[in-house]
Each structure stands twice: as C-alpha cells, then as structure tokens.
Amino acid sequence: LEWFDVDLPDSAPQTADFPQSFEIFNPYPNPFNSVVNLPFRLNKADRVEVSVYDPLGRLMWSEEASFPIGKSQIAIDSGSWGTGLYFINVVTLSNSRTFKIVQIK
C-alpha cells in the first residue's frame, strides 16, 4: 500500500465479530429444484447434524460435521428425490430446529 501512499497503523484494532448465539437461517431457495442451501452461524465450534425426511418419515439425506465459530453453510443435493414436501432437521448439542422445504422439478 505504500505505492498508493497509504499510511498503515502499527497494529490493526482487534474487533471480535463473533455471534452471541446459535442461529439457523431459512433454507434457500425454497422452493428449490435440485440443491437447497442451509446457512447457519455458530457462537462456538460445534458438531452440526442435518437430516432431511420425506412426509412419511423416511430419511432422504443426512450429514454430520464439525464447524468453526461463525457463518457456515451446507448444500443439500436432492437430485434423486421426487417433487414434493421435505423436512430439514438441524441438531447441535444445544439446539435443534426443523424447516419445511419444497422441491419442484
């Protein structure tokens, strides 16, 4: 940045932009065609388990993984599913939430 004649401070201020709580955002797009995204934000590193069920309670898709503090997203590929209503269940050690999603082909 010296080339642009910009003065830099000796040390940048440290600001913590950590979420204060666990947040799960609405899946998008909804309705969807073949991939639906599930964004969430963790206030601490945690394991997240995501499962998708059809209206009869059959497991269609599942994934469990560890995520760091901050915003993350899981992409759910539904290429082999039919048109219809599905339920996404998201579980962490301290929270859970369920969403309705609709696939249109």
PDB file of N, CA and C in Angstrom:
ATOM      1  N   LEU A   1       0.807  -1.193   0.000  1.00  0.00           N
ATOM      2  CA  LEU A   1       0.000   0.000   0.000  1.00  0.00           C
ATOM      3  C   LEU A   1       0.853   1.260   0.000  1.00  0.00           C
ATOM      4  N   GLU A   2       2.137   1.100   0.251  1.00  0.00           N
ATOM      5  CA  GLU A   2       2.999   2.271   0.206  1.00  0.00           C
ATOM      6  C   GLU A   2       3.000   2.903  -1.182  1.00  0.00           C
ATOM      7  N   TRP A   3       2.819   2.096  -2.194  1.00  0.00           N
ATOM      8  CA  TRP A   3       2.799   2.591  -3.556  1.00  0.00           C
ATOM      9  C   TRP A   3       1.652   3.589  -3.753  1.00  0.00           C
ATOM     10  N   PHE A   4       0.533   3.360  -3.041  1.00  0.00           N
ATOM     11  CA  PHE A   4      -0.621   4.259  -3.112  1.00  0.00           C
ATOM     12  C   PHE A   4      -0.529   5.392  -2.101  1.00  0.00           C
ATOM     13  N   ASP A   5       0.562   5.449  -1.368  1.00  0.00           N
ATOM     14  CA  ASP A   5       0.787   6.479  -0.357  1.00  0.00           C
ATOM     15  C   ASP A   5      -0.274   6.432   0.752  1.00  0.00           C
ATOM     16  N   VAL A   6      -0.495   5.207   1.245  1.00  0.00           N
ATOM     17  CA  VAL A   6      -1.457   4.997   2.332  1.00  0.00           C
ATOM     18  C   VAL A   6      -0.675   4.642   3.579  1.00  0.00           C
ATOM     19  N   ASP A   7      -0.933   5.347   4.667  1.00  0.00           N
ATOM     20  CA  ASP A   7      -0.284   5.049   5.935  1.00  0.00           C
ATOM     21  C   ASP A   7      -1.066   3.968   6.661  1.00  0.00           C
ATOM     22  N   LEU A   8      -0.364   2.952   7.114  1.00  0.00           N
ATOM     23  CA  LEU A   8      -0.993   1.879   7.867  1.00  0.00           C
ATOM     24  C   LEU A   8      -0.662   2.025   9.340  1.00  0.00           C
ATOM     25  N   PRO A   9      -1.616   1.750  10.223  1.00  0.00           N
ATOM     26  CA  PRO A   9      -1.312   1.797  11.656  1.00  0.00           C
ATOM     27  C   PRO A   9      -0.360   0.663  12.019  1.00  0.00           C
ATOM     28  N   ASP A  10       0.361   0.833  13.133  1.00  0.00           N
ATOM     29  CA  ASP A  10       1.303  -0.194  13.567  1.00  0.00           C
ATOM     30  C   ASP A  10       0.613  -1.517  13.855  1.00  0.00           C
ATOM     31  N   SER A  11      -0.565  -1.446  14.441  1.00  0.00           N
ATOM     32  CA  SER A  11      -1.324  -2.670  14.678  1.00  0.00           C
ATOM     33  C   SER A  11      -2.799  -2.373  14.461  1.00  0.00           C
ATOM     34  N   ALA A  12      -3.448  -3.263  13.764  1.00  0.00           N
ATOM     35  CA  ALA A  12      -4.878  -3.093  13.494  1.00  0.00           C
ATOM     36  C   ALA A  12      -5.670  -3.398  14.755  1.00  0.00           C
ATOM     37  N   PRO A  13      -6.719  -2.637  15.022  1.00  0.00           N
ATOM     38  CA  PRO A  13      -7.528  -2.923  16.208  1.00  0.00           C
ATOM     39  C   PRO A  13      -8.217  -4.277  16.061  1.00  0.00           C
ATOM     40  N   GLN A  14      -8.249  -5.012  17.127  1.00  0.00           N
ATOM     41  CA  GLN A  14      -8.867  -6.336  17.127  1.00  0.00           C
ATOM     42  C   GLN A  14     -10.316  -6.208  17.561  1.00  0.00           C
ATOM     43  N   THR A  15     -11.221  -6.462  16.637  1.00  0.00           N
ATOM     44  CA  THR A  15     -12.639  -6.425  16.972  1.00  0.00           C
ATOM     45  C   THR A  15     -13.200  -7.816  16.791  1.00  0.00           C
ATOM     46  N   ALA A  16     -13.844  -8.307  17.809  1.00  0.00           N
ATOM     47  CA  ALA A  16     -14.439  -9.638  17.745  1.00  0.00           C
ATOM     48  C   ALA A  16     -15.838  -9.525  17.155  1.00  0.00           C
ATOM     49  N   ASP A  17     -16.045 -10.200  16.046  1.00  0.00           N
ATOM     50  CA  ASP A  17     -17.353 -10.211  15.402  1.00  0.00           C
ATOM     51  C   ASP A  17     -17.957 -11.602  15.525  1.00  0.00           C
ATOM     52  N   PHE A  18     -17.939 -12.140  16.732  1.00  0.00           N
ATOM     53  CA  PHE A  18     -18.469 -13.468  16.967  1.00  0.00           C
ATOM     54  C   PHE A  18     -19.951 -13.387  17.274  1.00  0.00           C
ATOM     55  N   PRO A  19     -20.723 -14.318  16.755  1.00  0.00           N
ATOM     56  CA  PRO A  19     -22.148 -14.315  17.081  1.00  0.00           C
ATOM     57  C   PRO A  19     -22.369 -14.591  18.563  1.00  0.00           C
ATOM     58  N   GLN A  20     -23.419 -13.998  19.107  1.00  0.00           N
ATOM     59  CA  GLN A  20     -23.720 -14.177  20.526  1.00  0.00           C
ATOM     60  C   GLN A  20     -24.541 -15.441  20.785  1.00  0.00           C
ATOM     61  N   SER A  21     -25.155 -15.992  19.741  1.00  0.00           N
ATOM     62  CA  SER A  21     -25.943 -17.207  19.903  1.00  0.00           C
ATOM     63  C   SER A  21     -25.925 -18.008  18.607  1.00  0.00           C
ATOM     64  N   PHE A  22     -26.396 -19.222  18.689  1.00  0.00           N
ATOM     65  CA  PHE A  22     -26.508 -20.100  17.532  1.00  0.00           C
ATOM     66  C   PHE A  22     -27.698 -19.647  16.695  1.00  0.00           C
ATOM     67  N   GLU A  23     -27.489 -19.463  15.402  1.00  0.00           N
ATOM     68  CA  GLU A  23     -28.557 -19.036  14.513  1.00  0.00           C
ATOM     69  C   GLU A  23     -28.629 -19.970  13.314  1.00  0.00           C
ATOM     70  N   ILE A  24     -29.828 -20.382  12.962  1.00  0.00           N
ATOM     71  CA  ILE A  24     -30.056 -21.140  11.741  1.00  0.00           C
ATOM     72  C   ILE A  24     -30.950 -20.275  10.867  1.00  0.00           C
ATOM     73  N   PHE A  25     -30.524 -20.034   9.648  1.00  0.00           N
ATOM     74  CA  PHE A  25     -31.279 -19.198   8.727  1.00  0.00           C
ATOM     75  C   PHE A  25     -32.150 -20.077   7.832  1.00  0.00           C
ATOM     76  N   ASN A  26     -33.142 -19.474   7.209  1.00  0.00           N
ATOM     77  CA  ASN A  26     -34.041 -20.230   6.341  1.00  0.00           C
ATOM     78  C   ASN A  26     -33.293 -20.839   5.166  1.00  0.00           C
ATOM     79  N   PRO A  27     -33.621 -22.075   4.827  1.00  0.00           N
ATOM     80  CA  PRO A  27     -33.014 -22.701   3.644  1.00  0.00           C
ATOM     81  C   PRO A  27     -33.407 -21.905   2.387  1.00  0.00           C
ATOM     82  N   TYR A  28     -32.512 -21.871   1.423  1.00  0.00           N
ATOM     83  CA  TYR A  28     -32.802 -21.168   0.176  1.00  0.00           C
ATOM     84  C   TYR A  28     -32.180 -21.909  -0.991  1.00  0.00           C
ATOM     85  N   PRO A  29     -32.684 -21.793  -2.189  1.00  0.00           N
ATOM     86  CA  PRO A  29     -34.011 -21.264  -2.479  1.00  0.00           C
ATOM     87  C   PRO A  29     -35.075 -22.237  -1.983  1.00  0.00           C
ATOM     88  N   ASN A  30     -36.242 -21.750  -1.748  1.00  0.00           N
ATOM     89  CA  ASN A  30     -37.340 -22.604  -1.297  1.00  0.00           C
ATOM     90  C   ASN A  30     -38.635 -22.018  -1.847  1.00  0.00           C
ATOM     91  N   PRO A  31     -39.250 -22.654  -2.824  1.00  0.00           N
ATOM     92  CA  PRO A  31     -38.998 -23.982  -3.367  1.00  0.00           C
ATOM     93  C   PRO A  31     -37.683 -24.029  -4.145  1.00  0.00           C
ATOM     94  N   PHE A  32     -37.197 -25.269  -4.328  1.00  0.00           N
ATOM     95  CA  PHE A  32     -35.907 -25.470  -4.978  1.00  0.00           C
ATOM     96  C   PHE A  32     -36.040 -26.542  -6.041  1.00  0.00           C
ATOM     97  N   ASN A  33     -34.990 -26.682  -6.867  1.00  0.00           N
ATOM     98  CA  ASN A  33     -35.019 -27.661  -7.940  1.00  0.00           C
ATOM     99  C   ASN A  33     -34.164 -28.872  -7.597  1.00  0.00           C
ATOM    100  N   SER A  34     -32.865 -28.694  -7.383  1.00  0.00           N
ATOM    101  CA  SER A  34     -32.033 -29.861  -7.083  1.00  0.00           C
ATOM    102  C   SER A  34     -31.050 -29.640  -5.933  1.00  0.00           C
ATOM    103  N   VAL A  35     -30.778 -28.401  -5.584  1.00  0.00           N
ATOM    104  CA  VAL A  35     -29.883 -28.109  -4.459  1.00  0.00           C
ATOM    105  C   VAL A  35     -30.526 -27.039  -3.591  1.00  0.00           C
ATOM    106  N   VAL A  36     -30.543 -27.298  -2.288  1.00  0.00           N
ATOM    107  CA  VAL A  36     -31.024 -26.304  -1.330  1.00  0.00           C
ATOM    108  C   VAL A  36     -29.886 -26.027  -0.355  1.00  0.00           C
ATOM    109  N   ASN A  37     -29.697 -24.775   0.007  1.00  0.00           N
ATOM    110  CA  ASN A  37     -28.613 -24.365   0.902  1.00  0.00           C
ATOM    111  C   ASN A  37     -29.160 -24.055   2.289  1.00  0.00           C
ATOM    112  N   LEU A  38     -28.431 -24.492   3.301  1.00  0.00           N
ATOM    113  CA  LEU A  38     -28.828 -24.245   4.688  1.00  0.00           C
ATOM    114  C   LEU A  38     -27.728 -23.444   5.380  1.00  0.00           C
ATOM    115  N   PRO A  39     -27.911 -22.118   5.506  1.00  0.00           N
ATOM    116  CA  PRO A  39     -26.914 -21.304   6.197  1.00  0.00           C
ATOM    117  C   PRO A  39     -27.169 -21.275   7.709  1.00  0.00           C
ATOM    118  N   PHE A  40     -26.091 -21.193   8.476  1.00  0.00           N
ATOM    119  CA  PHE A  40     -26.208 -21.086   9.930  1.00  0.00           C
ATOM    120  C   PHE A  40     -24.979 -20.377  10.474  1.00  0.00           C
ATOM    121  N   ARG A  41     -25.086 -19.923  11.713  1.00  0.00           N
ATOM    122  CA  ARG A  41     -23.971 -19.245  12.367  1.00  0.00           C
ATOM    123  C   ARG A  41     -23.816 -19.830  13.769  1.00  0.00           C
ATOM    124  N   LEU A  42     -22.588 -20.216  14.104  1.00  0.00           N
ATOM    125  CA  LEU A  42     -22.301 -20.816  15.411  1.00  0.00           C
ATOM    126  C   LEU A  42     -21.578 -19.820  16.306  1.00  0.00           C
ATOM    127  N   ASN A  43     -21.941 -19.800  17.583  1.00  0.00           N
ATOM    128  CA  ASN A  43     -21.255 -18.942  18.543  1.00  0.00           C
ATOM    129  C   ASN A  43     -20.093 -19.665  19.221  1.00  0.00           C
ATOM    130  N   LYS A  44     -19.941 -20.952  18.920  1.00  0.00           N
ATOM    131  CA  LYS A  44     -18.789 -21.736  19.365  1.00  0.00           C
ATOM    132  C   LYS A  44     -18.621 -22.895  18.393  1.00  0.00           C
ATOM    133  N   ALA A  45     -17.432 -23.403  18.268  1.00  0.00           N
ATOM    134  CA  ALA A  45     -17.211 -24.552  17.396  1.00  0.00           C
ATOM    135  C   ALA A  45     -18.099 -25.692  17.889  1.00  0.00           C
ATOM    136  N   ASP A  46     -18.754 -26.366  16.961  1.00  0.00           N
ATOM    137  CA  ASP A  46     -19.735 -27.365  17.369  1.00  0.00           C
ATOM    138  C   ASP A  46     -19.950 -28.369  16.242  1.00  0.00           C
ATOM    139  N   ARG A  47     -20.482 -29.519  16.613  1.00  0.00           N
ATOM    140  CA  ARG A  47     -20.919 -30.504  15.636  1.00  0.00           C
ATOM    141  C   ARG A  47     -22.350 -30.179  15.241  1.00  0.00           C
ATOM    142  N   VAL A  48     -22.618 -30.262  13.953  1.00  0.00           N
ATOM    143  CA  VAL A  48     -23.956 -29.995  13.435  1.00  0.00           C
ATOM    144  C   VAL A  48     -24.402 -31.228  12.663  1.00  0.00           C
ATOM    145  N   GLU A  49     -25.596 -31.706  12.987  1.00  0.00           N
ATOM    146  CA  GLU A  49     -26.179 -32.840  12.281  1.00  0.00           C
ATOM    147  C   GLU A  49     -27.403 -32.341  11.526  1.00  0.00           C
ATOM    148  N   VAL A  50     -27.428 -32.591  10.222  1.00  0.00           N
ATOM    149  CA  VAL A  50     -28.538 -32.174   9.382  1.00  0.00           C
ATOM    150  C   VAL A  50     -29.118 -33.424   8.732  1.00  0.00           C
ATOM    151  N   SER A  51     -30.431 -33.585   8.853  1.00  0.00           N
ATOM    152  CA  SER A  51     -31.128 -34.714   8.242  1.00  0.00           C
ATOM    153  C   SER A  51     -32.334 -34.193   7.481  1.00  0.00           C
ATOM    154  N   VAL A  52     -32.654 -34.856   6.371  1.00  0.00           N
ATOM    155  CA  VAL A  52     -33.826 -34.497   5.583  1.00  0.00           C
ATOM    156  C   VAL A  52     -34.732 -35.717   5.516  1.00  0.00           C
ATOM    157  N   TYR A  53     -36.027 -35.488   5.798  1.00  0.00           N
ATOM    158  CA  TYR A  53     -37.019 -36.562   5.803  1.00  0.00           C
ATOM    159  C   TYR A  53     -38.144 -36.224   4.840  1.00  0.00           C
ATOM    160  N   ASP A  54     -38.764 -37.263   4.285  1.00  0.00           N
ATOM    161  CA  ASP A  54     -39.975 -37.048   3.494  1.00  0.00           C
ATOM    162  C   ASP A  54     -41.176 -37.055   4.447  1.00  0.00           C
ATOM    163  N   PRO A  55     -42.389 -36.771   3.960  1.00  0.00           N
ATOM    164  CA  PRO A  55     -43.553 -36.706   4.853  1.00  0.00           C
ATOM    165  C   PRO A  55     -43.885 -38.033   5.549  1.00  0.00           C
ATOM    166  N   LEU A  56     -43.387 -39.149   5.033  1.00  0.00           N
ATOM    167  CA  LEU A  56     -43.621 -40.445   5.672  1.00  0.00           C
ATOM    168  C   LEU A  56     -42.563 -40.770   6.725  1.00  0.00           C
ATOM    169  N   GLY A  57     -41.608 -39.856   6.930  1.00  0.00           N
ATOM    170  CA  GLY A  57     -40.573 -40.055   7.940  1.00  0.00           C
ATOM    171  C   GLY A  57     -39.360 -40.818   7.458  1.00  0.00           C
ATOM    172  N   ARG A  58     -39.271 -41.069   6.159  1.00  0.00           N
ATOM    173  CA  ARG A  58     -38.105 -41.774   5.611  1.00  0.00           C
ATOM    174  C   ARG A  58     -36.929 -40.808   5.493  1.00  0.00           C
ATOM    175  N   LEU A  59     -35.766 -41.257   5.923  1.00  0.00           N
ATOM    176  CA  LEU A  59     -34.550 -40.453   5.832  1.00  0.00           C
ATOM    177  C   LEU A  59     -34.119 -40.376   4.373  1.00  0.00           C
ATOM    178  N   MET A  60     -34.002 -39.150   3.855  1.00  0.00           N
ATOM    179  CA  MET A  60     -33.605 -38.940   2.460  1.00  0.00           C
ATOM    180  C   MET A  60     -32.136 -38.550   2.331  1.00  0.00           C
ATOM    181  N   TRP A  61     -31.619 -37.869   3.350  1.00  0.00           N
ATOM    182  CA  TRP A  61     -30.251 -37.354   3.294  1.00  0.00           C
ATOM    183  C   TRP A  61     -29.816 -37.015   4.707  1.00  0.00           C
ATOM    184  N   SER A  62     -28.536 -37.213   5.000  1.00  0.00           N
ATOM    185  CA  SER A  62     -28.022 -36.884   6.330  1.00  0.00           C
ATOM    186  C   SER A  62     -26.543 -36.548   6.243  1.00  0.00           C
ATOM    187  N   GLU A  63     -26.125 -35.607   7.080  1.00  0.00           N
ATOM    188  CA  GLU A  63     -24.711 -35.254   7.173  1.00  0.00           C
ATOM    189  C   GLU A  63     -24.434 -34.732   8.573  1.00  0.00           C
ATOM    190  N   GLU A  64     -23.290 -35.126   9.110  1.00  0.00           N
ATOM    191  CA  GLU A  64     -22.851 -34.631  10.409  1.00  0.00           C
ATOM    192  C   GLU A  64     -21.406 -34.208  10.273  1.00  0.00           C
ATOM    193  N   ALA A  65     -21.110 -32.996  10.750  1.00  0.00           N
ATOM    194  CA  ALA A  65     -19.747 -32.477  10.627  1.00  0.00           C
ATOM    195  C   ALA A  65     -19.497 -31.434  11.700  1.00  0.00           C
ATOM    196  N   SER A  66     -18.225 -31.175  11.959  1.00  0.00           N
ATOM    197  CA  SER A  66     -17.828 -30.117  12.898  1.00  0.00           C
ATOM    198  C   SER A  66     -17.604 -28.829  12.114  1.00  0.00           C
ATOM    199  N   PHE A  67     -18.030 -27.721  12.708  1.00  0.00           N
ATOM    200  CA  PHE A  67     -17.881 -26.424  12.074  1.00  0.00           C
ATOM    201  C   PHE A  67     -17.262 -25.444  13.058  1.00  0.00           C
ATOM    202  N   PRO A  68     -16.513 -24.456  12.549  1.00  0.00           N
ATOM    203  CA  PRO A  68     -15.893 -23.447  13.422  1.00  0.00           C
ATOM    204  C   PRO A  68     -16.894 -22.359  13.808  1.00  0.00           C
ATOM    205  N   ILE A  69     -16.467 -21.478  14.684  1.00  0.00           N
ATOM    206  CA  ILE A  69     -17.251 -20.303  15.044  1.00  0.00           C
ATOM    207  C   ILE A  69     -17.497 -19.477  13.783  1.00  0.00           C
ATOM    208  N   GLY A  70     -18.693 -18.912  13.682  1.00  0.00           N
ATOM    209  CA  GLY A  70     -19.006 -18.038  12.564  1.00  0.00           C
ATOM    210  C   GLY A  70     -20.021 -18.645  11.621  1.00  0.00           C
ATOM    211  N   LYS A  71     -20.139 -18.036  10.445  1.00  0.00           N
ATOM    212  CA  LYS A  71     -21.149 -18.431   9.478  1.00  0.00           C
ATOM    213  C   LYS A  71     -20.648 -19.571   8.598  1.00  0.00           C
ATOM    214  N   SER A  72     -21.515 -20.567   8.407  1.00  0.00           N
ATOM    215  CA  SER A  72     -21.233 -21.712   7.544  1.00  0.00           C
ATOM    216  C   SER A  72     -22.491 -22.032   6.754  1.00  0.00           C
ATOM    217  N   GLN A  73     -22.340 -22.960   5.829  1.00  0.00           N
ATOM    218  CA  GLN A  73     -23.482 -23.340   5.002  1.00  0.00           C
ATOM    219  C   GLN A  73     -23.316 -24.786   4.563  1.00  0.00           C
ATOM    220  N   ILE A  74     -24.421 -25.489   4.471  1.00  0.00           N
ATOM    221  CA  ILE A  74     -24.428 -26.855   3.962  1.00  0.00           C
ATOM    222  C   ILE A  74     -25.303 -26.864   2.717  1.00  0.00           C
ATOM    223  N   ALA A  75     -24.785 -27.430   1.630  1.00  0.00           N
ATOM    224  CA  ALA A  75     -25.555 -27.593   0.397  1.00  0.00           C
ATOM    225  C   ALA A  75     -26.103 -29.015   0.369  1.00  0.00           C
ATOM    226  N   ILE A  76     -27.404 -29.134   0.182  1.00  0.00           N
ATOM    227  CA  ILE A  76     -28.074 -30.435   0.173  1.00  0.00           C
ATOM    228  C   ILE A  76     -28.482 -30.736  -1.263  1.00  0.00           C
ATOM    229  N   ASP A  77     -27.927 -31.813  -1.820  1.00  0.00           N
ATOM    230  CA  ASP A  77     -28.223 -32.218  -3.190  1.00  0.00           C
ATOM    231  C   ASP A  77     -29.387 -33.200  -3.176  1.00  0.00           C
ATOM    232  N   SER A  78     -30.464 -32.831  -3.843  1.00  0.00           N
ATOM    233  CA  SER A  78     -31.674 -33.653  -3.849  1.00  0.00           C
ATOM    234  C   SER A  78     -31.967 -34.201  -5.236  1.00  0.00           C
ATOM    235  N   GLY A  79     -30.939 -34.429  -6.023  1.00  0.00           N
ATOM    236  CA  GLY A  79     -31.107 -34.849  -7.403  1.00  0.00           C
ATOM    237  C   GLY A  79     -31.944 -36.098  -7.604  1.00  0.00           C
ATOM    238  N   SER A  80     -31.918 -37.016  -6.653  1.00  0.00           N
ATOM    239  CA  SER A  80     -32.654 -38.274  -6.823  1.00  0.00           C
ATOM    240  C   SER A  80     -34.037 -38.260  -6.169  1.00  0.00           C
ATOM    241  N   TRP A  81     -34.416 -37.165  -5.557  1.00  0.00           N
ATOM    242  CA  TRP A  81     -35.717 -37.081  -4.903  1.00  0.00           C
ATOM    243  C   TRP A  81     -36.772 -36.633  -5.892  1.00  0.00           C
ATOM    244  N   GLY A  82     -38.003 -36.945  -5.572  1.00  0.00           N
ATOM    245  CA  GLY A  82     -39.116 -36.510  -6.404  1.00  0.00           C
ATOM    246  C   GLY A  82     -39.643 -35.158  -5.965  1.00  0.00           C
ATOM    247  N   THR A  83     -40.559 -34.620  -6.741  1.00  0.00           N
ATOM    248  CA  THR A  83     -41.238 -33.376  -6.393  1.00  0.00           C
ATOM    249  C   THR A  83     -42.026 -33.585  -5.111  1.00  0.00           C
ATOM    250  N   GLY A  84     -41.988 -32.620  -4.211  1.00  0.00           N
ATOM    251  CA  GLY A  84     -42.784 -32.749  -3.007  1.00  0.00           C
ATOM    252  C   GLY A  84     -42.237 -31.994  -1.819  1.00  0.00           C
ATOM    253  N   LEU A  85     -42.860 -32.259  -0.679  1.00  0.00           N
ATOM    254  CA  LEU A  85     -42.534 -31.626   0.595  1.00  0.00           C
ATOM    255  C   LEU A  85     -41.502 -32.462   1.344  1.00  0.00           C
ATOM    256  N   TYR A  86     -40.522 -31.781   1.968  1.00  0.00           N
ATOM    257  CA  TYR A  86     -39.498 -32.442   2.775  1.00  0.00           C
ATOM    258  C   TYR A  86     -39.263 -31.617   4.034  1.00  0.00           C
ATOM    259  N   PHE A  87     -38.643 -32.242   5.015  1.00  0.00           N
ATOM    260  CA  PHE A  87     -38.359 -31.584   6.287  1.00  0.00           C
ATOM    261  C   PHE A  87     -36.874 -31.677   6.577  1.00  0.00           C
ATOM    262  N   ILE A  88     -36.245 -30.530   6.850  1.00  0.00           N
ATOM    263  CA  ILE A  88     -34.837 -30.489   7.249  1.00  0.00           C
ATOM    264  C   ILE A  88     -34.811 -30.367   8.763  1.00  0.00           C
ATOM    265  N   ASN A  89     -34.103 -31.265   9.420  1.00  0.00           N
ATOM    266  CA  ASN A  89     -33.929 -31.211  10.870  1.00  0.00           C
ATOM    267  C   ASN A  89     -32.454 -30.911  11.154  1.00  0.00           C
ATOM    268  N   VAL A  90     -32.207 -29.838  11.908  1.00  0.00           N
ATOM    269  CA  VAL A  90     -30.849 -29.411  12.243  1.00  0.00           C
ATOM    270  C   VAL A  90     -30.670 -29.562  13.747  1.00  0.00           C
ATOM    271  N   VAL A  91     -29.597 -30.264  14.165  1.00  0.00           N
ATOM    272  CA  VAL A  91     -29.370 -30.532  15.586  1.00  0.00           C
ATOM    273  C   VAL A  91     -27.919 -30.216  15.936  1.00  0.00           C
ATOM    274  N   THR A  92     -27.727 -29.461  17.041  1.00  0.00           N
ATOM    275  CA  THR A  92     -26.416 -29.277  17.651  1.00  0.00           C
ATOM    276  C   THR A  92     -26.529 -29.767  19.088  1.00  0.00           C
ATOM    277  N   LEU A  93     -25.454 -29.654  19.850  1.00  0.00           N
ATOM    278  CA  LEU A  93     -25.516 -30.092  21.242  1.00  0.00           C
ATOM    279  C   LEU A  93     -26.519 -29.290  22.058  1.00  0.00           C
ATOM    280  N   SER A  94     -26.763 -28.034  21.663  1.00  0.00           N
ATOM    281  CA  SER A  94     -27.620 -27.177  22.479  1.00  0.00           C
ATOM    282  C   SER A  94     -28.924 -26.738  21.815  1.00  0.00           C
ATOM    283  N   ASN A  95     -29.100 -26.998  20.528  1.00  0.00           N
ATOM    284  CA  ASN A  95     -30.283 -26.513  19.816  1.00  0.00           C
ATOM    285  C   ASN A  95     -30.735 -27.497  18.755  1.00  0.00           C
ATOM    286  N   SER A  96     -31.983 -27.324  18.342  1.00  0.00           N
ATOM    287  CA  SER A  96     -32.484 -28.042  17.180  1.00  0.00           C
ATOM    288  C   SER A  96     -33.579 -27.207  16.530  1.00  0.00           C
ATOM    289  N   ARG A  97     -33.771 -27.429  15.248  1.00  0.00           N
ATOM    290  CA  ARG A  97     -34.802 -26.698  14.521  1.00  0.00           C
ATOM    291  C   ARG A  97     -35.174 -27.493  13.279  1.00  0.00           C
ATOM    292  N   THR A  98     -36.439 -27.382  12.865  1.00  0.00           N
ATOM    293  CA  THR A  98     -36.933 -28.083  11.690  1.00  0.00           C
ATOM    294  C   THR A  98     -37.530 -27.091  10.709  1.00  0.00           C
ATOM    295  N   PHE A  99     -37.257 -27.297   9.417  1.00  0.00           N
ATOM    296  CA  PHE A  99     -37.763 -26.451   8.359  1.00  0.00           C
ATOM    297  C   PHE A  99     -38.521 -27.297   7.342  1.00  0.00           C
ATOM    298  N   LYS A 100     -39.545 -26.709   6.727  1.00  0.00           N
ATOM    299  CA  LYS A 100     -40.223 -27.332   5.580  1.00  0.00           C
ATOM    300  C   LYS A 100     -39.598 -26.785   4.310  1.00  0.00           C
ATOM    301  N   ILE A 101     -39.328 -27.685   3.369  1.00  0.00           N
ATOM    302  CA  ILE A 101     -38.821 -27.272   2.072  1.00  0.00           C
ATOM    303  C   ILE A 101     -39.646 -27.982   1.002  1.00  0.00           C
ATOM    304  N   VAL A 102     -39.712 -27.389  -0.188  1.00  0.00           N
ATOM    305  CA  VAL A 102     -40.488 -27.961  -1.282  1.00  0.00           C
ATOM    306  C   VAL A 102     -39.595 -28.074  -2.500  1.00  0.00           C
ATOM    307  N   GLN A 103     -39.546 -29.286  -3.066  1.00  0.00           N
ATOM    308  CA  GLN A 103     -38.792 -29.491  -4.296  1.00  0.00           C
ATOM    309  C   GLN A 103     -39.764 -29.488  -5.474  1.00  0.00           C
ATOM    310  N   ILE A 104     -39.417 -28.748  -6.506  1.00  0.00           N
ATOM    311  CA  ILE A 104     -40.211 -28.688  -7.728  1.00  0.00           C
ATOM    312  C   ILE A 104     -39.302 -29.076  -8.885  1.00  0.00           C
ATOM    313  N   LYS A 105     -39.722 -30.066  -9.640  1.00  0.00           N
ATOM    314  CA  LYS A 105     -38.924 -30.481 -10.820  1.00  0.00           C
ATOM    315  C   LYS A 105     -39.671 -30.180 -12.078  1.00  0.00           C
TER     316      LYS A 105
END
